[in-house]
Every structure is written in C-alpha cells, then in structure tokens.
Amino acid sequence: MLGLGWPTDGYPIYLFIAFVPLLYVENYLNHSLFYILLFSFITFLTWNAISTWWLSYAKRINGTFSVEAYLTPVLCNALFMSIIFSFYSCIKKHIKDKKIGYVFLVCLWISFEKMHLEWELSWPWLNLGNGFANYTEWIQWYEYTGVLGGSIWIWIVNIGFAESIIKYKNDKNVLLLYKKIFFNVGIIFIMIFISNIIYIRYKKNQYKRTANVLILQPNIDPYNQKYYISTNKLISKLKRLIDQKISKESMIIIAPETMFSEKIQIKNINKNKIISVFKNYLRNKSPNTVFITGVELISLYKKKNKSKTSIPIFSKKTKNIQWIDVFNSVIQIGTNENIAFHHKSKLVPAVETFPYKKIFSPILGNILLNFGGTVMELGKETYPSVFHHPYLGIKIAPIICYESVFGEYVSNFFRKKNVDFMVIITNDGWWGLSQGHKQHMYYARIRAIENRKYIARSANTGISCFINEKGEIISYIPYGKEGVLYNKIYLNKKKTFYIKYGDFISKISLLTTIIILLYTITYKYNIIYR
C-alpha cells in the first residue's frame, strides 16, 4: 500500500492505511523484538523496492546496469526504518500510557526523517510527506508545516485506524468502531478541506513584479552523447535553442545541470572560451539578459587544501603533483565582467560524495562512487550563493538537482538571502524513461508551496517546467524532447511561516522524544530498585 500510494502513479489515500497491518502486528508481538524487526523490515523493504525501482536504471562507467545502485539504498533505508520502528516497540513496552507510546513513535519517526535530511547518508526521498507531491491541492498548508507536517498527518491517521481495530477486537463494540473510523476519516477530509480553502483563496499573480524567463531542454543522453559532443557543437545547440525566443528585453535564460563536460578553472573563469562566447552572444542579442547554466568548476592548489575532497593529480606542464577540487556548479553569465557561481551543497551519497569516508574508505575503497555519474568525490559549497540580476535588480536562488529535495535548505535562500524566486537545474536522464525523473519534478512542487515562490526548472532531459506558487505546473517539456519554454513569472519577497521557522516540527519532535525516553528510563530504573 505504501508503494501504491507513492508518486507518480500512486494514489496517496493508501498512505493513510498502509501502516495499519504493521501497527496491528506490533501490538500482539511487542514481546518479540526479532519478529517485529523482521516484519517491519519486510514492510519497509517492499515500500522502498516498489517506490524507487527506477534506481536500477543507473549505469556503471562501462555501460552495464548498476544493481548495487538500486539494492544498496533500498536495503539500507529499509534497515534504518525497521530499526526506528523496532526501537519504538522496545520503548513502548515500558510506557504505561499507550497514547504516550504512539506520541513517541510519531516524534521518533519525524526525528529520523530530519536526520535523513542532514547526515552524510542522506536519502530523504521517501520521507512520508513527499507522498502527496502529485496532489498539491491536499497540502497547501505545507507553507506552515513543510513536508514533515504531511508525515505527521499520515502517522496520526494510521495510528487511529489501527487502534480502532485493536479496541474492537478486545471489546467487540461495533458502534465505537464506526465512531473511531469516521473520526479518522474526518481527519483526512478536514485537512484536505483546509488545504482547498487555502488553494482557492490564494490569489495567483497577485504581485506586480515580473521577470521574463527562458528555459532550455537540450535533450542530451548523459551516457551515450554527453561526453562525445564537442564544446563547439554544444554551444551551437544552445544558441539555436535560445534564438527561438530571445528578445531585446531583459531576460533570464536557464540551461541544465553540468551542461558542458569541459572543466572550467575558477581562477581563470573569465578567460574561458565558453564564458567569452556567451558574453559576446548576449551583447549582440540581448545586452540586459543573463544566462544561467550548469558547469563543472575546478580549483587547483600547489599544496593539499584543507578541503576533505582535494585529490592529487600529476601536472604535465609543471611535472609536479597538484591538488584539485571538482565542483558541480551553476554559473551566471552577463555582459559585465563578474561571473557569479554556486557550488552544489547537497551531494548524492555514493555518487558525488563518500559518506563517512574515514570509516568506510579503508574497507570499501572507491566502490561507493561507482553507482553511475562520476567516480570522483566532489567538493561542496559551505555558504550557498545567490545570483543577482544586474539589470532587473532581482535575486535568484540557484538550486542544483538533488538540492531541490531538501525543504529547509531551499527555504534558507528566502529566509537569509531574501531572494525572489528559484531556479532548479538538473539532469534526470540517468534513469531513462522511468518514474525517477517524474518523482524528482513533483517534489519541486512542494518547494513552491512551502515558499510560495515561482520555480523555473531546466532539465537536460527529464521534465523542464514552470511551477507557480500554488505548486501548479504552468507549462512543461516532456521527457526525451528537445525544446524551449518561455514565460513571464511573478516575483515576491513574501516570507511564509515555513520560510521564517523552517522544520520547527523536527525540533519539537526531538525534544519530545528525548523527554519520553528519559522518563521511560527513569521509570524503569525506579521499578528495578524500588
């Protein structure tokens, strides 16, 4: 049921009953930790396997499908989830009040989801609140709670249904059973009703400031074409796409992640051919326009940098060892001299970064970095940068691929940097024509609701689109099609409750978890030594 409820083809109503069997079983097996761990692992393994099967489409460097790119996150995530559930069951046995036990479960799970957003093994793809990404009319209140509010919603309803069944089995009171079922169904529809009220009352295009945005989707196969097309051909291809819609008006043109395979040295960035070509192009075509595109930037050092990712290379010119940092970056090119850039901060574990390298590297070598994409660990941004349009006077949040899954990370651009809208650049061709690129795009709709900001999303191939403040897709280019999208988007500096306070729910949950845990330990200690 968790799999059937998950985007993109799933219907999220299943998520409200998906945990009922597991909660029911746990209630009658709460003295057998082994079986609880076993049944919960089977539950979460099934969910992970169904919802993220598209990971199996990733390929190794030699072109073969990477089975480990699918099995590793599925098995690990299922294990983490089952440990969390089993830990809840273990603590629950020592709590007199069953309601407090359920509160502990919800708060513990929310704390786990928050951890999944922050630690080095980060994989928040299946955080429960993401399950409504394709039904944005249900979750307009995410502008207050963020995605964690959806996770709490799912758990509360599941616990309510499970407890109804358990109580009916004990006392056979049919009337009470119906009352509890109707009450929990009511929780579902009340939240949907509140969301629809917010949805209807929200005024589209209520802000007067606008920007003209052009999105490019070049549709280049990341495995068979990307690294075999010359830089000159890529430049020509982009110019041909831009020429379809460019005008003398001030614009923002957006190309996808890692558009060019050529690595650009940060120190000499203004002298790079790609930069120079597009500067001259904009001067001739549209002097007040900026071009935002994904590139790979590098920094070279004579000595090892303090950065954890610097690796040694042999320089043919100097005949010496140099150290290099490689970044997945986005740059903004204008007709002025300054080139703004932002390095990706949220890296994909085992693809772009080696989680807990000091611990696992001696054991595994570089096997974790052979899941598709690069085999070189990338550097990352410590303090995310914001782009300033020099002619329109607006601020842009540059979000790279995986970063768009992280709610509070994205909202920080609006809270701390006071930006006007966000640009997402990505390359979703790694998983072929599967659910992967669709899920990734739908998650972006949640970011639009949380922050009430427009999104311009450019995919190499995948789904390039415009998303408004209500999470609605205004226009899009489907997977596997080359094209451009042009739209006038609306800008605002409004700060939603979520922008101001972020994942406040996780802080409350963590504190509640600790209090209940300490209370349980103290209570158990007093019983033993009384």
Protein backbone atom coordinates (compact mmCIF):
# COMPACT_ATOMS: atom_id res chain seq x y z
CA MET A 1 0.00 0.00 0.00
CA LEU A 2 2.91 2.37 0.64
CA GLY A 3 4.16 1.62 -2.86
CA LEU A 4 0.69 2.02 -4.39
CA GLY A 5 0.30 5.35 -2.65
CA TRP A 6 3.60 6.82 -3.79
CA PRO A 7 4.09 9.27 -6.69
CA THR A 8 3.89 9.39 -9.55
CA ASP A 9 1.12 6.96 -10.47
CA GLY A 10 0.12 6.13 -6.91
CA TYR A 11 -2.97 7.40 -5.09
CA PRO A 12 -1.95 8.80 -1.67
CA ILE A 13 -5.16 7.74 0.08
CA TYR A 14 -3.42 4.35 0.55
CA LEU A 15 -0.79 6.03 2.72
CA PHE A 16 -3.42 6.61 5.42
CA ILE A 17 -3.95 2.86 5.95
CA ALA A 18 -0.59 1.46 4.86
CA PHE A 19 0.88 1.16 8.39
CA VAL A 20 -2.24 -0.36 9.95
CA PRO A 21 -1.18 -4.02 9.41
CA LEU A 22 2.29 -3.34 10.85
CA LEU A 23 0.89 -1.48 13.88
CA TYR A 24 -1.64 -4.27 14.45
CA VAL A 25 1.02 -6.98 14.31
CA GLU A 26 3.34 -4.99 16.59
CA ASN A 27 0.59 -4.72 19.19
CA TYR A 28 0.41 -8.51 19.53
CA LEU A 29 4.11 -9.23 19.12
CA ASN A 30 5.50 -6.49 21.31
CA HIS A 31 7.43 -9.01 23.39
CA SER A 32 9.26 -10.44 20.40
CA LEU A 33 11.77 -7.89 19.14
CA PHE A 34 13.12 -10.25 16.48
CA TYR A 35 9.75 -10.71 14.77
CA ILE A 36 8.95 -7.01 14.96
CA LEU A 37 12.27 -6.23 13.31
CA LEU A 38 11.61 -8.93 10.69
CA PHE A 39 8.06 -7.84 9.81
CA SER A 40 8.94 -4.15 9.79
CA PHE A 41 11.97 -4.80 7.59
CA ILE A 42 9.79 -6.72 5.10
CA THR A 43 7.29 -3.83 5.15
CA PHE A 44 9.88 -1.12 4.52
CA LEU A 45 11.84 -3.21 2.04
CA THR A 46 8.70 -3.71 -0.05
CA TRP A 47 7.94 0.02 0.04
CA ASN A 48 11.48 1.05 -0.89
CA ALA A 49 11.70 -1.56 -3.65
CA ILE A 50 8.41 -0.51 -5.29
CA SER A 51 8.85 3.26 -4.94
CA THR A 52 12.48 3.56 -6.07
CA TRP A 53 12.82 0.70 -8.56
CA TRP A 54 13.97 3.27 -11.13
CA LEU A 55 17.36 3.44 -9.38
CA SER A 56 18.18 0.17 -11.15
CA TYR A 57 18.39 2.15 -14.43
CA ALA A 58 21.65 3.82 -13.32
CA LYS A 59 24.70 2.56 -15.20
CA ARG A 60 28.33 1.99 -14.35
CA ILE A 61 31.16 3.61 -16.27
CA ASN A 62 31.41 0.55 -18.51
CA GLY A 63 27.74 0.93 -19.52
CA THR A 64 26.29 -2.01 -17.56
CA PHE A 65 23.34 -1.51 -15.24
CA SER A 66 24.38 -0.90 -11.65
CA VAL A 67 22.45 -3.37 -9.48
CA GLU A 68 24.14 -2.05 -6.35
CA ALA A 69 22.89 1.48 -7.15
CA TYR A 70 19.40 0.08 -6.57
CA LEU A 71 19.91 -2.54 -3.87
CA THR A 72 22.17 -0.54 -1.54
CA PRO A 73 19.81 2.40 -0.83
CA VAL A 74 16.77 0.10 -0.80
CA LEU A 75 18.29 -2.31 1.72
CA CYS A 76 19.92 0.36 3.87
CA ASN A 77 16.86 2.59 4.01
CA ALA A 78 14.61 -0.36 4.84
CA LEU A 79 17.00 -1.37 7.62
CA PHE A 80 17.12 2.16 9.08
CA MET A 81 13.32 2.41 9.06
CA SER A 82 12.84 -1.01 10.64
CA ILE A 83 15.35 -0.16 13.39
CA ILE A 84 13.43 3.02 14.18
CA PHE A 85 10.12 1.14 14.35
CA SER A 86 11.63 -1.66 16.45
CA PHE A 87 13.18 0.85 18.84
CA TYR A 88 9.74 2.39 19.30
CA SER A 89 8.31 -1.05 20.08
CA CYS A 90 11.08 -1.71 22.58
CA ILE A 91 10.45 1.55 24.45
CA LYS A 92 6.66 1.24 24.24
CA LYS A 93 6.71 -1.89 26.42
CA HIS A 94 7.89 0.22 29.34
CA ILE A 95 5.36 3.03 28.89
CA LYS A 96 2.12 2.65 30.83
CA ASP A 97 0.04 5.05 28.73
CA LYS A 98 -0.41 3.72 25.19
CA LYS A 99 -1.07 7.21 23.85
CA ILE A 100 2.35 8.36 25.02
CA GLY A 101 3.82 5.36 23.19
CA TYR A 102 2.19 6.50 19.96
CA VAL A 103 3.41 10.05 20.51
CA PHE A 104 6.90 8.62 20.91
CA LEU A 105 6.54 6.72 17.60
CA VAL A 106 5.48 9.83 15.66
CA CYS A 107 8.16 12.06 17.20
CA LEU A 108 10.86 9.41 16.76
CA TRP A 109 9.93 8.98 13.10
CA ILE A 110 9.96 12.74 12.46
CA SER A 111 13.38 12.97 14.11
CA PHE A 112 14.57 10.17 11.82
CA GLU A 113 13.25 11.97 8.74
CA LYS A 114 15.03 15.15 9.81
CA MET A 115 18.24 13.20 10.34
CA HIS A 116 17.82 11.80 6.84
CA LEU A 117 17.90 15.38 5.58
CA GLU A 118 21.12 16.25 7.39
CA TRP A 119 23.54 13.34 7.83
CA GLU A 120 26.09 12.08 5.30
CA LEU A 121 23.96 9.04 4.38
CA SER A 122 21.15 11.42 3.46
CA TRP A 123 18.32 9.83 1.46
CA PRO A 124 15.09 11.74 2.24
CA TRP A 125 13.40 10.60 -0.97
CA LEU A 126 10.85 8.53 0.94
CA ASN A 127 10.12 10.97 3.74
CA LEU A 128 6.39 10.38 4.13
CA GLY A 129 5.24 13.93 3.42
CA ASN A 130 6.67 13.63 -0.11
CA GLY A 131 3.89 11.15 -0.86
CA PHE A 132 1.45 13.99 -1.63
CA ALA A 133 3.73 15.69 -4.17
CA ASN A 134 1.34 14.93 -7.03
CA TYR A 135 -1.76 16.06 -5.10
CA THR A 136 -0.84 19.62 -4.26
CA GLU A 137 -4.49 20.61 -3.62
CA TRP A 138 -4.25 18.45 -0.46
CA ILE A 139 -1.16 20.08 1.02
CA GLN A 140 -1.41 23.83 0.58
CA TRP A 141 -0.86 24.08 4.36
CA TYR A 142 2.74 22.94 3.80
CA GLU A 143 3.51 26.68 3.72
CA TYR A 144 3.20 26.40 7.52
CA THR A 145 4.50 22.92 8.36
CA GLY A 146 6.71 21.90 5.47
CA VAL A 147 6.84 18.30 4.34
CA LEU A 148 7.18 16.97 7.91
CA GLY A 149 3.59 18.05 8.55
CA GLY A 150 2.47 15.53 5.94
CA SER A 151 4.44 12.78 7.70
CA ILE A 152 2.67 13.52 10.98
CA TRP A 153 -0.70 13.52 9.19
CA ILE A 154 -0.08 10.05 7.79
CA TRP A 155 1.05 8.58 11.12
CA ILE A 156 -1.84 10.07 13.14
CA VAL A 157 -4.47 8.62 10.80
CA ASN A 158 -2.75 5.22 10.58
CA ILE A 159 -2.47 5.00 14.37
CA GLY A 160 -6.13 5.98 14.71
CA PHE A 161 -7.31 3.24 12.33
CA ALA A 162 -5.04 0.62 13.90
CA GLU A 163 -6.18 1.48 17.42
CA SER A 164 -9.83 1.27 16.30
CA ILE A 165 -9.32 -2.29 15.07
CA ILE A 166 -7.36 -3.33 18.16
CA LYS A 167 -10.05 -1.99 20.51
CA TYR A 168 -12.83 -3.65 18.51
CA LYS A 169 -11.06 -6.99 18.78
CA ASN A 170 -10.92 -6.58 22.55
CA ASP A 171 -14.46 -5.36 23.32
CA LYS A 172 -16.45 -6.11 20.09
CA ASN A 173 -18.16 -2.71 20.27
CA VAL A 174 -19.28 -2.08 16.68
CA LEU A 175 -20.69 1.39 17.39
CA LEU A 176 -17.40 2.55 18.93
CA LEU A 177 -15.51 1.09 15.96
CA TYR A 178 -17.62 3.08 13.49
CA LYS A 179 -17.20 6.27 15.53
CA LYS A 180 -13.42 5.94 15.57
CA ILE A 181 -13.27 5.10 11.86
CA PHE A 182 -15.44 8.11 10.98
CA PHE A 183 -13.32 10.30 13.25
CA ASN A 184 -10.10 9.30 11.44
CA VAL A 185 -11.70 9.64 8.01
CA GLY A 186 -12.74 13.09 9.20
CA ILE A 187 -9.11 14.00 9.97
CA ILE A 188 -8.22 13.19 6.36
CA PHE A 189 -11.02 15.26 4.85
CA ILE A 190 -10.70 18.19 7.26
CA MET A 191 -7.05 18.68 6.29
CA ILE A 192 -7.92 18.36 2.58
CA PHE A 193 -10.78 20.83 3.08
CA ILE A 194 -8.49 23.35 4.83
CA SER A 195 -5.95 22.93 2.03
CA ASN A 196 -8.56 23.57 -0.65
CA ILE A 197 -9.74 26.70 1.16
CA ILE A 198 -6.16 27.99 1.15
CA TYR A 199 -5.83 26.94 -2.50
CA ILE A 200 -8.98 28.78 -3.58
CA ARG A 201 -8.28 31.91 -1.55
CA TYR A 202 -4.68 32.25 -2.67
CA LYS A 203 -4.53 34.93 -5.33
CA LYS A 204 -2.47 33.94 -8.32
CA ASN A 205 -0.34 36.61 -9.92
CA GLN A 206 -1.05 39.00 -7.01
CA TYR A 207 2.41 40.52 -7.25
CA LYS A 208 3.28 43.21 -9.80
CA ARG A 209 6.99 42.47 -10.24
CA THR A 210 7.74 40.07 -13.08
CA ALA A 211 10.66 38.58 -14.98
CA ASN A 212 10.92 37.07 -18.45
CA VAL A 213 12.40 33.59 -18.24
CA LEU A 214 13.51 31.23 -20.99
CA ILE A 215 14.14 27.56 -20.12
CA LEU A 216 16.22 25.28 -22.35
CA GLN A 217 15.94 21.49 -22.58
CA PRO A 218 18.70 20.29 -24.96
CA ASN A 219 17.79 16.59 -24.53
CA ILE A 220 21.26 15.04 -24.47
CA ASP A 221 21.69 11.42 -23.41
CA PRO A 222 24.03 11.52 -20.37
CA TYR A 223 25.51 8.12 -21.14
CA ASN A 224 25.88 7.95 -24.93
CA GLN A 225 26.06 11.58 -26.07
CA LYS A 226 27.08 14.00 -23.34
CA TYR A 227 30.81 13.23 -23.26
CA TYR A 228 31.12 12.72 -27.02
CA ILE A 229 29.72 16.06 -28.21
CA SER A 230 32.32 18.77 -28.70
CA THR A 231 32.06 22.04 -26.80
CA ASN A 232 31.55 23.92 -30.09
CA LYS A 233 28.57 21.74 -31.01
CA LEU A 234 27.04 22.21 -27.56
CA ILE A 235 27.43 25.98 -27.83
CA SER A 236 25.82 25.95 -31.27
CA LYS A 237 22.96 23.80 -30.00
CA LEU A 238 22.25 26.17 -27.11
CA LYS A 239 22.42 29.24 -29.34
CA ARG A 240 19.95 27.63 -31.75
CA LEU A 241 17.53 26.99 -28.88
CA ILE A 242 17.93 30.48 -27.41
CA ASP A 243 17.42 32.12 -30.82
CA GLN A 244 13.86 30.75 -30.90
CA LYS A 245 12.67 33.13 -28.16
CA ILE A 246 15.36 35.69 -27.28
CA SER A 247 14.47 39.36 -27.49
CA LYS A 248 15.99 42.72 -26.59
CA GLU A 249 14.05 42.72 -23.30
CA SER A 250 15.82 41.84 -20.05
CA MET A 251 15.59 38.07 -19.63
CA ILE A 252 16.86 35.13 -17.62
CA ILE A 253 17.93 32.17 -19.76
CA ILE A 254 18.40 28.84 -17.99
CA ALA A 255 20.28 25.75 -19.20
CA PRO A 256 20.54 22.45 -17.27
CA GLU A 257 22.98 20.89 -14.83
CA THR A 258 26.56 20.10 -16.00
CA MET A 259 25.71 21.31 -19.49
CA PHE A 260 29.37 21.19 -20.54
CA SER A 261 31.73 18.30 -19.88
CA GLU A 262 34.72 20.65 -20.08
CA LYS A 263 36.01 21.56 -16.62
CA ILE A 264 36.48 25.29 -16.03
CA GLN A 265 39.14 26.56 -13.65
CA ILE A 266 37.69 29.12 -11.23
CA LYS A 267 40.90 31.16 -11.16
CA ASN A 268 40.71 31.83 -14.91
CA ILE A 269 36.95 31.71 -15.32
CA ASN A 270 36.70 34.99 -17.29
CA LYS A 271 39.23 33.73 -19.83
CA ASN A 272 37.33 30.52 -20.56
CA LYS A 273 36.05 30.09 -24.12
CA ILE A 274 32.51 29.12 -23.10
CA ILE A 275 32.16 32.19 -20.91
CA SER A 276 33.56 34.52 -23.58
CA VAL A 277 31.34 33.13 -26.33
CA PHE A 278 28.12 33.63 -24.36
CA LYS A 279 29.15 37.08 -23.15
CA ASN A 280 29.63 38.20 -26.74
CA TYR A 281 26.43 36.46 -27.81
CA LEU A 282 24.40 38.31 -25.16
CA ARG A 283 25.99 41.66 -26.06
CA ASN A 284 24.79 41.26 -29.63
CA LYS A 285 21.39 39.67 -28.98
CA SER A 286 20.13 40.94 -25.62
CA PRO A 287 22.56 43.09 -23.57
CA ASN A 288 20.37 43.15 -20.44
CA THR A 289 19.97 39.37 -20.25
CA VAL A 290 21.77 36.82 -18.06
CA PHE A 291 22.49 33.18 -18.90
CA ILE A 292 22.43 30.61 -16.10
CA THR A 293 23.88 27.17 -16.80
CA GLY A 294 25.38 24.16 -15.06
CA VAL A 295 29.12 23.52 -15.38
CA GLU A 296 31.92 21.68 -13.63
CA LEU A 297 34.30 24.09 -11.92
CA ILE A 298 37.72 23.19 -10.54
CA SER A 299 40.26 24.72 -8.19
CA LEU A 300 43.94 23.77 -8.33
CA TYR A 301 46.38 24.03 -5.43
CA LYS A 302 50.11 23.52 -5.05
CA LYS A 303 49.56 22.03 -1.61
CA LYS A 304 46.71 19.91 -0.27
CA ASN A 305 43.78 22.13 0.61
CA LYS A 306 42.01 21.80 3.94
CA SER A 307 39.00 20.62 1.95
CA LYS A 308 38.28 16.92 2.51
CA THR A 309 37.76 16.32 -1.21
CA SER A 310 41.04 17.62 -2.65
CA ILE A 311 42.77 14.83 -4.59
CA PRO A 312 46.26 14.69 -6.11
CA ILE A 313 46.88 14.85 -9.89
CA PHE A 314 50.09 14.94 -11.91
CA SER A 315 50.59 18.13 -13.93
CA LYS A 316 52.30 17.55 -17.30
CA LYS A 317 53.22 21.24 -17.52
CA THR A 318 54.95 21.60 -14.17
CA LYS A 319 55.92 17.93 -13.81
CA ASN A 320 54.71 18.15 -10.23
CA ILE A 321 51.83 16.87 -8.14
CA GLN A 322 48.94 19.32 -7.79
CA TRP A 323 45.75 19.10 -5.76
CA ILE A 324 42.32 19.57 -7.27
CA ASP A 325 38.77 20.21 -6.07
CA VAL A 326 35.97 19.47 -8.55
CA PHE A 327 32.55 21.09 -8.10
CA ASN A 328 29.13 20.51 -9.62
CA SER A 329 28.28 24.17 -10.12
CA VAL A 330 25.93 26.67 -11.67
CA ILE A 331 27.16 29.97 -13.13
CA GLN A 332 25.50 33.19 -14.18
CA ILE A 333 26.94 34.91 -17.27
CA GLY A 334 26.08 38.50 -18.11
CA THR A 335 27.64 41.16 -20.29
CA ASN A 336 29.55 42.58 -17.32
CA GLU A 337 32.86 41.17 -16.11
CA ASN A 338 31.65 39.45 -12.95
CA ILE A 339 30.72 35.77 -13.18
CA ALA A 340 28.60 34.54 -10.27
CA PHE A 341 28.75 30.86 -9.34
CA HIS A 342 27.31 28.48 -6.78
CA HIS A 343 28.61 25.00 -5.94
CA LYS A 344 26.23 22.18 -5.17
CA SER A 345 25.87 21.79 -1.39
CA LYS A 346 23.70 18.69 -1.06
CA LEU A 347 25.64 15.90 -2.75
CA VAL A 348 24.23 12.48 -3.67
CA PRO A 349 25.70 9.85 -1.31
CA ALA A 350 27.87 7.24 -3.05
CA VAL A 351 27.66 9.14 -6.36
CA GLU A 352 29.08 12.58 -5.65
CA THR A 353 30.36 12.10 -2.12
CA PHE A 354 31.76 9.27 0.01
CA PRO A 355 29.70 9.12 3.23
CA TYR A 356 31.80 8.81 6.39
CA LYS A 357 34.89 8.38 4.28
CA LYS A 358 37.35 7.93 7.15
CA ILE A 359 35.37 4.93 8.41
CA PHE A 360 34.38 3.18 5.17
CA SER A 361 37.16 4.07 2.75
CA PRO A 362 39.74 1.61 4.19
CA ILE A 363 37.13 -1.16 3.99
CA LEU A 364 35.35 -0.45 0.68
CA GLY A 365 37.86 1.51 -1.37
CA ASN A 366 36.05 3.55 -4.06
CA ILE A 367 33.24 1.06 -4.67
CA LEU A 368 30.62 3.50 -3.34
CA LEU A 369 31.46 6.05 -6.03
CA ASN A 370 30.77 3.61 -8.87
CA PHE A 371 26.98 3.96 -8.84
CA GLY A 372 26.69 5.96 -12.05
CA GLY A 373 27.79 9.50 -12.78
CA THR A 374 31.22 10.50 -11.52
CA VAL A 375 33.74 8.35 -9.67
CA MET A 376 35.49 11.41 -8.22
CA GLU A 377 34.28 12.78 -4.92
CA LEU A 378 33.08 16.34 -5.41
CA GLY A 379 33.65 19.45 -3.35
CA LYS A 380 30.68 21.32 -1.97
CA GLU A 381 29.58 24.81 -1.03
CA THR A 382 29.71 25.77 2.64
CA TYR A 383 27.76 29.00 2.27
CA PRO A 384 25.28 28.82 -0.65
CA SER A 385 25.45 31.77 -3.02
CA VAL A 386 22.66 33.88 -4.53
CA PHE A 387 22.59 35.29 -8.06
CA HIS A 388 21.82 38.99 -8.58
CA HIS A 389 20.35 40.00 -11.91
CA PRO A 390 22.32 43.20 -12.63
CA TYR A 391 19.62 44.76 -14.82
CA LEU A 392 16.34 43.67 -13.21
CA GLY A 393 17.51 44.09 -9.60
CA ILE A 394 16.20 40.68 -8.51
CA LYS A 395 17.76 37.85 -6.51
CA ILE A 396 17.71 34.25 -7.73
CA ALA A 397 18.17 31.06 -5.69
CA PRO A 398 20.22 28.59 -7.79
CA ILE A 399 19.23 25.03 -6.83
CA ILE A 400 21.14 22.09 -8.34
CA CYS A 401 19.34 18.76 -8.84
CA TYR A 402 19.26 16.78 -5.54
CA GLU A 403 19.22 20.03 -3.53
CA SER A 404 15.57 20.52 -4.51
CA VAL A 405 14.54 17.60 -2.24
CA PHE A 406 15.67 19.47 0.91
CA GLY A 407 12.93 21.78 2.16
CA GLU A 408 14.71 23.80 4.84
CA TYR A 409 17.86 24.09 2.73
CA VAL A 410 15.83 25.71 -0.05
CA SER A 411 13.87 27.95 2.33
CA ASN A 412 17.16 29.29 3.75
CA PHE A 413 17.70 31.14 0.47
CA PHE A 414 14.49 33.06 1.11
CA ARG A 415 14.94 33.49 4.85
CA LYS A 416 18.60 34.55 4.87
CA LYS A 417 19.16 35.90 1.35
CA ASN A 418 15.70 37.39 0.65
CA VAL A 419 15.56 36.07 -2.93
CA ASP A 420 12.64 36.47 -5.34
CA PHE A 421 12.31 33.05 -6.99
CA MET A 422 14.22 29.82 -7.52
CA VAL A 423 15.87 28.19 -10.48
CA ILE A 424 16.33 24.42 -10.46
CA ILE A 425 18.79 22.89 -12.90
CA THR A 426 19.03 19.14 -13.19
CA ASN A 427 19.98 16.20 -15.37
CA ASP A 428 17.34 13.49 -14.96
CA GLY A 429 18.41 11.35 -17.89
CA TRP A 430 20.43 8.94 -15.71
CA TRP A 431 17.37 6.74 -15.06
CA GLY A 432 15.86 6.64 -18.53
CA LEU A 433 12.12 6.80 -19.11
CA SER A 434 11.19 5.73 -15.56
CA GLN A 435 9.44 7.15 -12.51
CA GLY A 436 12.67 8.76 -11.26
CA HIS A 437 12.56 11.97 -13.28
CA LYS A 438 8.82 12.36 -12.59
CA GLN A 439 9.19 11.99 -8.83
CA HIS A 440 12.04 14.49 -8.85
CA MET A 441 9.95 17.08 -10.66
CA TYR A 442 6.89 16.53 -8.44
CA TYR A 443 8.97 17.08 -5.29
CA ALA A 444 9.82 20.54 -6.66
CA ARG A 445 6.11 21.39 -6.48
CA ILE A 446 6.32 21.01 -2.70
CA ARG A 447 9.15 23.58 -2.58
CA ALA A 448 6.93 26.05 -4.47
CA ILE A 449 4.14 25.65 -1.88
CA GLU A 450 6.42 25.81 1.17
CA ASN A 451 7.96 29.08 -0.01
CA ARG A 452 5.14 30.45 -2.22
CA LYS A 453 7.64 31.19 -4.95
CA TYR A 454 7.75 30.53 -8.68
CA ILE A 455 10.14 27.86 -9.94
CA ALA A 456 11.85 27.71 -13.32
CA ARG A 457 13.17 24.17 -13.79
CA SER A 458 15.59 23.24 -16.57
CA ALA A 459 16.38 19.56 -17.17
CA ASN A 460 18.94 18.26 -19.63
CA THR A 461 16.30 15.71 -20.33
CA GLY A 462 13.53 14.95 -17.91
CA ILE A 463 10.79 17.48 -17.37
CA SER A 464 11.60 21.16 -17.79
CA CYS A 465 8.78 23.33 -16.49
CA PHE A 466 7.41 26.42 -14.81
CA ILE A 467 5.73 25.93 -11.42
CA ASN A 468 3.72 28.68 -9.73
CA GLU A 469 3.35 29.49 -6.01
CA LYS A 470 0.49 27.00 -5.61
CA GLY A 471 2.57 24.12 -6.95
CA GLU A 472 0.75 24.09 -10.28
CA ILE A 473 2.69 23.19 -13.42
CA ILE A 474 2.07 26.06 -15.83
CA SER A 475 3.88 24.61 -18.83
CA TYR A 476 6.40 21.84 -19.42
CA ILE A 477 8.54 19.93 -21.92
CA PRO A 478 8.19 16.13 -21.56
CA TYR A 479 10.99 13.62 -21.18
CA GLY A 480 13.06 12.93 -24.30
CA LYS A 481 12.06 16.06 -26.18
CA GLU A 482 14.27 18.98 -27.14
CA GLY A 483 12.72 22.40 -26.75
CA VAL A 484 12.35 25.75 -25.02
CA LEU A 485 9.80 27.27 -22.65
CA TYR A 486 9.17 30.99 -22.31
CA ASN A 487 7.07 32.62 -19.61
CA LYS A 488 6.62 35.80 -17.63
CA ILE A 489 6.89 34.75 -14.00
CA TYR A 490 5.72 36.67 -10.93
CA LEU A 491 8.17 37.63 -8.18
CA ASN A 492 7.63 38.21 -4.48
CA LYS A 493 9.60 38.58 -1.28
CA LYS A 494 6.79 37.26 0.92
CA LYS A 495 8.07 35.08 3.75
CA THR A 496 5.81 32.18 4.61
CA PHE A 497 5.64 30.70 8.09
CA TYR A 498 7.83 27.86 6.84
CA ILE A 499 10.45 30.27 5.49
CA LYS A 500 10.59 32.01 8.87
CA TYR A 501 10.69 28.92 11.08
CA GLY A 502 11.78 26.04 8.83
CA ASP A 503 11.44 22.48 10.17
CA PHE A 504 10.31 23.62 13.62
CA ILE A 505 8.29 20.39 13.86
CA SER A 506 11.53 18.39 13.96
CA LYS A 507 12.82 20.41 16.93
CA ILE A 508 9.60 19.82 18.88
CA SER A 509 9.68 16.14 17.94
CA LEU A 510 13.29 15.66 19.01
CA LEU A 511 12.67 17.36 22.36
CA THR A 512 9.53 15.25 22.95
CA THR A 513 11.40 12.07 22.01
CA ILE A 514 14.17 12.83 24.50
CA ILE A 515 11.70 13.68 27.30
CA ILE A 516 9.72 10.45 26.80
CA LEU A 517 12.92 8.42 26.56
CA LEU A 518 14.35 9.91 29.76
CA TYR A 519 11.03 9.44 31.54
CA THR A 520 10.90 5.79 30.46
CA ILE A 521 14.47 5.09 31.56
CA THR A 522 13.86 6.80 34.93
CA TYR A 523 10.60 4.90 35.43
CA LYS A 524 12.25 1.57 34.58
CA TYR A 525 15.17 2.33 36.92
CA ASN A 526 12.83 3.14 39.82
CA ILE A 527 10.86 -0.09 39.28
CA ILE A 528 14.02 -2.21 39.36
CA TYR A 529 15.49 -0.63 42.51
CA ARG A 530 12.29 0.03 44.45
